[in-house]
Amino acid sequence: MSEPNIAPQTEYKTLDDFMKGQNNFWHFFIEDSFLGRLHRDKVEAYARFEEQNPDFAKELMQRATRMYRENHQLPWEDLQRAYNLMAKLVHEDDRYVRRDDGSLDTRKLCR
């Protein structure tokens, strides 16, 4: 079986760039968020991330959920780390990665 083609995702050079451009990525890591559940269910890269990084995924979800509930803060450095890992797990043949015109959605994780 051949390796899947990775769909390039937007790269954020700095934490500040990530915080400004990540849109709804942080919702992946809020346990009881409707948007988070929707993202986790429809984005195959999240399942791959969780499978490859089970301890980090679990710990980040617990911490992000706790921080968000307590004071609407988030663990931004670890969210950026998770994004960088997950961005390498988006495949060209994943659902919703191709636009109607066939081009790749380089902001798939930030929708």
N, C-alpha and C. Protein backbone atom coordinates (compact mmCIF):
# COMPACT_ATOMS: atom_id res chain seq x y z
N MET A 1 0.85 -1.18 0.00
CA MET A 1 0.00 0.00 0.00
C MET A 1 0.89 1.24 0.00
N SER A 2 0.55 2.22 -0.82
CA SER A 2 1.36 3.43 -0.90
C SER A 2 1.01 4.40 0.24
N GLU A 3 1.96 5.24 0.55
CA GLU A 3 1.77 6.25 1.59
C GLU A 3 0.79 7.31 1.09
N PRO A 4 -0.07 7.81 1.96
CA PRO A 4 -1.00 8.87 1.54
C PRO A 4 -0.26 10.17 1.27
N ASN A 5 -0.80 10.96 0.36
CA ASN A 5 -0.25 12.28 0.10
C ASN A 5 -0.75 13.22 1.19
N ILE A 6 0.18 13.95 1.78
CA ILE A 6 -0.16 14.90 2.84
C ILE A 6 -0.65 16.19 2.20
N ALA A 7 -1.77 16.68 2.68
CA ALA A 7 -2.30 17.97 2.21
C ALA A 7 -1.67 19.07 3.04
N PRO A 8 -0.86 19.91 2.45
CA PRO A 8 -0.20 20.95 3.24
C PRO A 8 -1.20 21.86 3.92
N GLN A 9 -0.88 22.21 5.15
CA GLN A 9 -1.72 23.10 5.93
C GLN A 9 -0.96 24.40 6.20
N THR A 10 -1.69 25.44 6.53
CA THR A 10 -1.09 26.72 6.85
C THR A 10 -0.06 26.53 7.95
N GLU A 11 1.12 27.11 7.76
CA GLU A 11 2.17 27.06 8.77
C GLU A 11 2.20 28.38 9.52
N TYR A 12 2.29 28.30 10.82
CA TYR A 12 2.38 29.49 11.66
C TYR A 12 3.78 29.54 12.23
N LYS A 13 4.50 30.61 11.92
CA LYS A 13 5.90 30.75 12.33
C LYS A 13 6.05 31.10 13.81
N THR A 14 5.10 31.84 14.34
CA THR A 14 5.21 32.27 15.74
C THR A 14 3.92 31.90 16.48
N LEU A 15 4.01 31.90 17.79
CA LEU A 15 2.84 31.64 18.61
C LEU A 15 1.79 32.72 18.38
N ASP A 16 2.22 33.95 18.26
CA ASP A 16 1.29 35.04 18.00
C ASP A 16 0.55 34.84 16.68
N ASP A 17 1.26 34.43 15.63
CA ASP A 17 0.62 34.15 14.35
C ASP A 17 -0.41 33.02 14.50
N PHE A 18 -0.03 31.99 15.24
CA PHE A 18 -0.96 30.88 15.46
C PHE A 18 -2.21 31.35 16.20
N MET A 19 -2.02 32.11 17.25
CA MET A 19 -3.16 32.57 18.04
C MET A 19 -4.10 33.43 17.20
N LYS A 20 -3.56 34.23 16.31
CA LYS A 20 -4.38 35.09 15.44
C LYS A 20 -5.06 34.31 14.33
N GLY A 21 -4.39 33.28 13.81
CA GLY A 21 -4.89 32.60 12.62
C GLY A 21 -5.57 31.27 12.83
N GLN A 22 -5.53 30.73 14.04
CA GLN A 22 -6.02 29.36 14.26
C GLN A 22 -7.53 29.23 14.24
N ASN A 23 -8.25 30.34 14.30
CA ASN A 23 -9.70 30.37 14.22
C ASN A 23 -10.31 29.47 15.29
N ASN A 24 -10.84 28.32 14.93
CA ASN A 24 -11.53 27.45 15.88
C ASN A 24 -10.74 26.19 16.24
N PHE A 25 -9.47 26.14 15.93
CA PHE A 25 -8.70 24.93 16.21
C PHE A 25 -8.78 24.51 17.67
N TRP A 26 -8.77 25.46 18.58
CA TRP A 26 -8.77 25.14 20.01
C TRP A 26 -10.00 24.33 20.42
N HIS A 27 -11.09 24.44 19.66
CA HIS A 27 -12.30 23.68 20.00
C HIS A 27 -12.09 22.17 19.95
N PHE A 28 -11.12 21.70 19.16
CA PHE A 28 -10.83 20.26 19.15
C PHE A 28 -10.59 19.74 20.56
N PHE A 29 -10.09 20.61 21.44
CA PHE A 29 -9.60 20.17 22.75
C PHE A 29 -10.47 20.62 23.92
N ILE A 30 -11.71 20.97 23.65
CA ILE A 30 -12.66 21.29 24.71
C ILE A 30 -13.67 20.14 24.74
N GLU A 31 -13.66 19.39 25.83
CA GLU A 31 -14.41 18.13 25.91
C GLU A 31 -15.90 18.27 25.58
N ASP A 32 -16.57 19.22 26.20
CA ASP A 32 -18.02 19.27 26.07
C ASP A 32 -18.48 20.33 25.06
N SER A 33 -17.59 20.73 24.18
CA SER A 33 -17.92 21.72 23.16
C SER A 33 -18.61 21.03 21.98
N PHE A 34 -19.78 21.55 21.58
CA PHE A 34 -20.45 21.00 20.40
C PHE A 34 -19.54 21.11 19.19
N LEU A 35 -18.93 22.27 19.01
CA LEU A 35 -18.04 22.47 17.86
C LEU A 35 -16.84 21.54 17.94
N GLY A 36 -16.33 21.32 19.14
CA GLY A 36 -15.21 20.39 19.31
C GLY A 36 -15.58 18.97 18.93
N ARG A 37 -16.74 18.51 19.38
CA ARG A 37 -17.20 17.16 19.01
C ARG A 37 -17.38 17.05 17.50
N LEU A 38 -17.95 18.08 16.90
CA LEU A 38 -18.15 18.08 15.45
C LEU A 38 -16.81 17.98 14.74
N HIS A 39 -15.83 18.78 15.16
CA HIS A 39 -14.49 18.73 14.55
C HIS A 39 -13.87 17.35 14.75
N ARG A 40 -13.91 16.85 15.97
CA ARG A 40 -13.27 15.55 16.24
C ARG A 40 -13.91 14.44 15.43
N ASP A 41 -15.21 14.52 15.20
CA ASP A 41 -15.90 13.47 14.45
C ASP A 41 -15.65 13.54 12.95
N LYS A 42 -15.47 14.73 12.41
CA LYS A 42 -15.38 14.83 10.95
C LYS A 42 -13.97 15.00 10.40
N VAL A 43 -12.99 15.25 11.24
CA VAL A 43 -11.63 15.50 10.77
C VAL A 43 -10.77 14.27 11.05
N GLU A 44 -10.45 13.55 9.99
CA GLU A 44 -9.68 12.32 10.13
C GLU A 44 -8.31 12.57 10.76
N ALA A 45 -7.73 13.73 10.50
CA ALA A 45 -6.41 14.04 11.05
C ALA A 45 -6.44 14.06 12.58
N TYR A 46 -7.59 14.44 13.17
CA TYR A 46 -7.67 14.42 14.63
C TYR A 46 -7.57 12.99 15.14
N ALA A 47 -8.26 12.06 14.51
CA ALA A 47 -8.20 10.65 14.93
C ALA A 47 -6.78 10.12 14.80
N ARG A 48 -6.09 10.50 13.73
CA ARG A 48 -4.70 10.07 13.55
C ARG A 48 -3.81 10.68 14.64
N PHE A 49 -4.03 11.96 14.93
CA PHE A 49 -3.26 12.64 15.98
C PHE A 49 -3.47 11.93 17.32
N GLU A 50 -4.71 11.66 17.66
CA GLU A 50 -5.03 11.02 18.93
C GLU A 50 -4.43 9.62 19.01
N GLU A 51 -4.46 8.89 17.90
CA GLU A 51 -3.90 7.55 17.87
C GLU A 51 -2.38 7.57 18.05
N GLN A 52 -1.72 8.55 17.43
CA GLN A 52 -0.27 8.63 17.48
C GLN A 52 0.25 9.31 18.75
N ASN A 53 -0.59 10.11 19.38
CA ASN A 53 -0.18 10.89 20.56
C ASN A 53 -1.22 10.78 21.67
N PRO A 54 -1.56 9.57 22.10
CA PRO A 54 -2.68 9.41 23.02
C PRO A 54 -2.52 10.16 24.35
N ASP A 55 -1.35 10.12 24.94
CA ASP A 55 -1.15 10.79 26.23
C ASP A 55 -1.23 12.30 26.08
N PHE A 56 -0.55 12.84 25.07
CA PHE A 56 -0.57 14.28 24.83
C PHE A 56 -1.99 14.74 24.51
N ALA A 57 -2.71 14.01 23.66
CA ALA A 57 -4.07 14.39 23.28
C ALA A 57 -4.99 14.41 24.50
N LYS A 58 -4.90 13.40 25.34
CA LYS A 58 -5.75 13.32 26.53
C LYS A 58 -5.41 14.43 27.52
N GLU A 59 -4.12 14.61 27.78
CA GLU A 59 -3.70 15.63 28.74
C GLU A 59 -4.07 17.03 28.26
N LEU A 60 -3.87 17.29 26.96
CA LEU A 60 -4.20 18.60 26.42
C LEU A 60 -5.69 18.86 26.49
N MET A 61 -6.50 17.87 26.18
CA MET A 61 -7.95 18.05 26.26
C MET A 61 -8.38 18.34 27.70
N GLN A 62 -7.84 17.60 28.64
CA GLN A 62 -8.20 17.83 30.04
C GLN A 62 -7.78 19.22 30.51
N ARG A 63 -6.55 19.61 30.17
CA ARG A 63 -6.04 20.90 30.62
C ARG A 63 -6.74 22.06 29.92
N ALA A 64 -6.94 21.96 28.61
CA ALA A 64 -7.62 23.04 27.87
C ALA A 64 -9.05 23.19 28.37
N THR A 65 -9.73 22.09 28.60
CA THR A 65 -11.11 22.15 29.10
C THR A 65 -11.15 22.81 30.47
N ARG A 66 -10.26 22.39 31.36
CA ARG A 66 -10.21 22.96 32.70
C ARG A 66 -9.90 24.46 32.65
N MET A 67 -8.89 24.84 31.90
CA MET A 67 -8.50 26.25 31.82
C MET A 67 -9.63 27.10 31.23
N TYR A 68 -10.26 26.56 30.19
CA TYR A 68 -11.33 27.32 29.54
C TYR A 68 -12.52 27.51 30.48
N ARG A 69 -12.86 26.45 31.19
CA ARG A 69 -13.98 26.54 32.14
C ARG A 69 -13.68 27.50 33.29
N GLU A 70 -12.43 27.48 33.77
CA GLU A 70 -12.08 28.29 34.93
C GLU A 70 -11.96 29.77 34.61
N ASN A 71 -11.33 30.11 33.50
CA ASN A 71 -11.08 31.53 33.25
C ASN A 71 -10.97 31.91 31.77
N HIS A 72 -11.50 31.08 30.91
CA HIS A 72 -11.49 31.33 29.46
C HIS A 72 -10.07 31.52 28.92
N GLN A 73 -9.11 30.87 29.54
CA GLN A 73 -7.74 30.85 29.05
C GLN A 73 -7.49 29.52 28.37
N LEU A 74 -6.41 29.45 27.59
CA LEU A 74 -6.07 28.22 26.88
C LEU A 74 -4.56 28.00 26.91
N PRO A 75 -4.10 26.75 26.83
CA PRO A 75 -2.67 26.44 26.80
C PRO A 75 -2.12 26.60 25.37
N TRP A 76 -1.92 27.84 24.97
CA TRP A 76 -1.63 28.16 23.57
C TRP A 76 -0.39 27.45 23.03
N GLU A 77 0.67 27.36 23.80
CA GLU A 77 1.89 26.72 23.30
C GLU A 77 1.63 25.26 22.93
N ASP A 78 0.91 24.56 23.79
CA ASP A 78 0.61 23.16 23.50
C ASP A 78 -0.42 23.02 22.38
N LEU A 79 -1.32 23.96 22.26
CA LEU A 79 -2.26 23.93 21.13
C LEU A 79 -1.50 24.10 19.82
N GLN A 80 -0.52 24.99 19.79
CA GLN A 80 0.28 25.15 18.59
C GLN A 80 1.07 23.87 18.30
N ARG A 81 1.61 23.26 19.34
CA ARG A 81 2.33 21.99 19.16
C ARG A 81 1.39 20.93 18.57
N ALA A 82 0.17 20.84 19.10
CA ALA A 82 -0.81 19.88 18.58
C ALA A 82 -1.14 20.19 17.12
N TYR A 83 -1.32 21.46 16.81
CA TYR A 83 -1.61 21.85 15.43
C TYR A 83 -0.48 21.42 14.51
N ASN A 84 0.76 21.68 14.91
CA ASN A 84 1.90 21.33 14.06
C ASN A 84 1.98 19.82 13.82
N LEU A 85 1.66 19.03 14.83
CA LEU A 85 1.63 17.58 14.66
C LEU A 85 0.47 17.16 13.76
N MET A 86 -0.71 17.71 14.02
CA MET A 86 -1.90 17.32 13.27
C MET A 86 -1.82 17.78 11.81
N ALA A 87 -1.16 18.90 11.56
CA ALA A 87 -1.05 19.43 10.20
C ALA A 87 -0.32 18.45 9.28
N LYS A 88 0.51 17.61 9.83
CA LYS A 88 1.24 16.62 9.04
C LYS A 88 0.43 15.34 8.85
N LEU A 89 -0.79 15.32 9.38
CA LEU A 89 -1.64 14.13 9.31
C LEU A 89 -2.89 14.33 8.46
N VAL A 90 -2.97 15.45 7.76
CA VAL A 90 -4.10 15.72 6.88
C VAL A 90 -3.76 15.13 5.51
N HIS A 91 -4.59 14.23 5.05
CA HIS A 91 -4.34 13.56 3.77
C HIS A 91 -5.17 14.21 2.66
N GLU A 92 -4.62 14.20 1.46
CA GLU A 92 -5.31 14.80 0.32
C GLU A 92 -6.66 14.16 0.05
N ASP A 93 -6.83 12.89 0.41
CA ASP A 93 -8.10 12.22 0.13
C ASP A 93 -9.05 12.22 1.33
N ASP A 94 -8.73 12.97 2.39
CA ASP A 94 -9.65 13.12 3.52
C ASP A 94 -10.90 13.89 3.08
N ARG A 95 -11.99 13.66 3.80
CA ARG A 95 -13.22 14.40 3.53
C ARG A 95 -12.98 15.90 3.69
N TYR A 96 -13.58 16.65 2.82
CA TYR A 96 -13.61 18.12 2.89
C TYR A 96 -12.25 18.78 2.71
N VAL A 97 -11.23 18.06 2.30
CA VAL A 97 -9.92 18.68 2.09
C VAL A 97 -9.85 19.32 0.70
N ARG A 98 -10.58 18.77 -0.22
CA ARG A 98 -10.61 19.34 -1.57
C ARG A 98 -11.83 20.25 -1.71
N ARG A 99 -11.57 21.41 -2.27
CA ARG A 99 -12.66 22.34 -2.56
C ARG A 99 -13.39 21.88 -3.81
N ASP A 100 -14.50 22.51 -4.11
CA ASP A 100 -15.28 22.15 -5.28
C ASP A 100 -14.47 22.21 -6.57
N ASP A 101 -13.50 23.13 -6.64
CA ASP A 101 -12.68 23.25 -7.85
C ASP A 101 -11.51 22.26 -7.86
N GLY A 102 -11.41 21.39 -6.83
CA GLY A 102 -10.35 20.38 -6.76
C GLY A 102 -9.10 20.83 -6.04
N SER A 103 -8.98 22.11 -5.72
CA SER A 103 -7.80 22.59 -5.00
C SER A 103 -7.84 22.14 -3.54
N LEU A 104 -6.68 22.12 -2.93
CA LEU A 104 -6.57 21.69 -1.53
C LEU A 104 -6.88 22.85 -0.59
N ASP A 105 -7.58 22.54 0.47
CA ASP A 105 -7.89 23.52 1.51
C ASP A 105 -6.74 23.53 2.51
N THR A 106 -5.90 24.54 2.44
CA THR A 106 -4.73 24.61 3.32
C THR A 106 -5.08 25.12 4.71
N ARG A 107 -6.36 25.42 4.93
CA ARG A 107 -6.81 25.86 6.26
C ARG A 107 -7.83 24.88 6.83
N LYS A 108 -7.77 23.65 6.41
CA LYS A 108 -8.71 22.61 6.85
C LYS A 108 -8.82 22.55 8.37
N LEU A 109 -7.72 22.63 9.05
CA LEU A 109 -7.74 22.50 10.52
C LEU A 109 -8.22 23.75 11.23
N CYS A 110 -8.37 24.82 10.50
CA CYS A 110 -8.75 26.11 11.12
C CYS A 110 -10.12 26.56 10.68
N ARG A 111 -10.98 25.66 10.34
CA ARG A 111 -12.35 26.02 9.91
C ARG A 111 -13.29 26.00 11.08
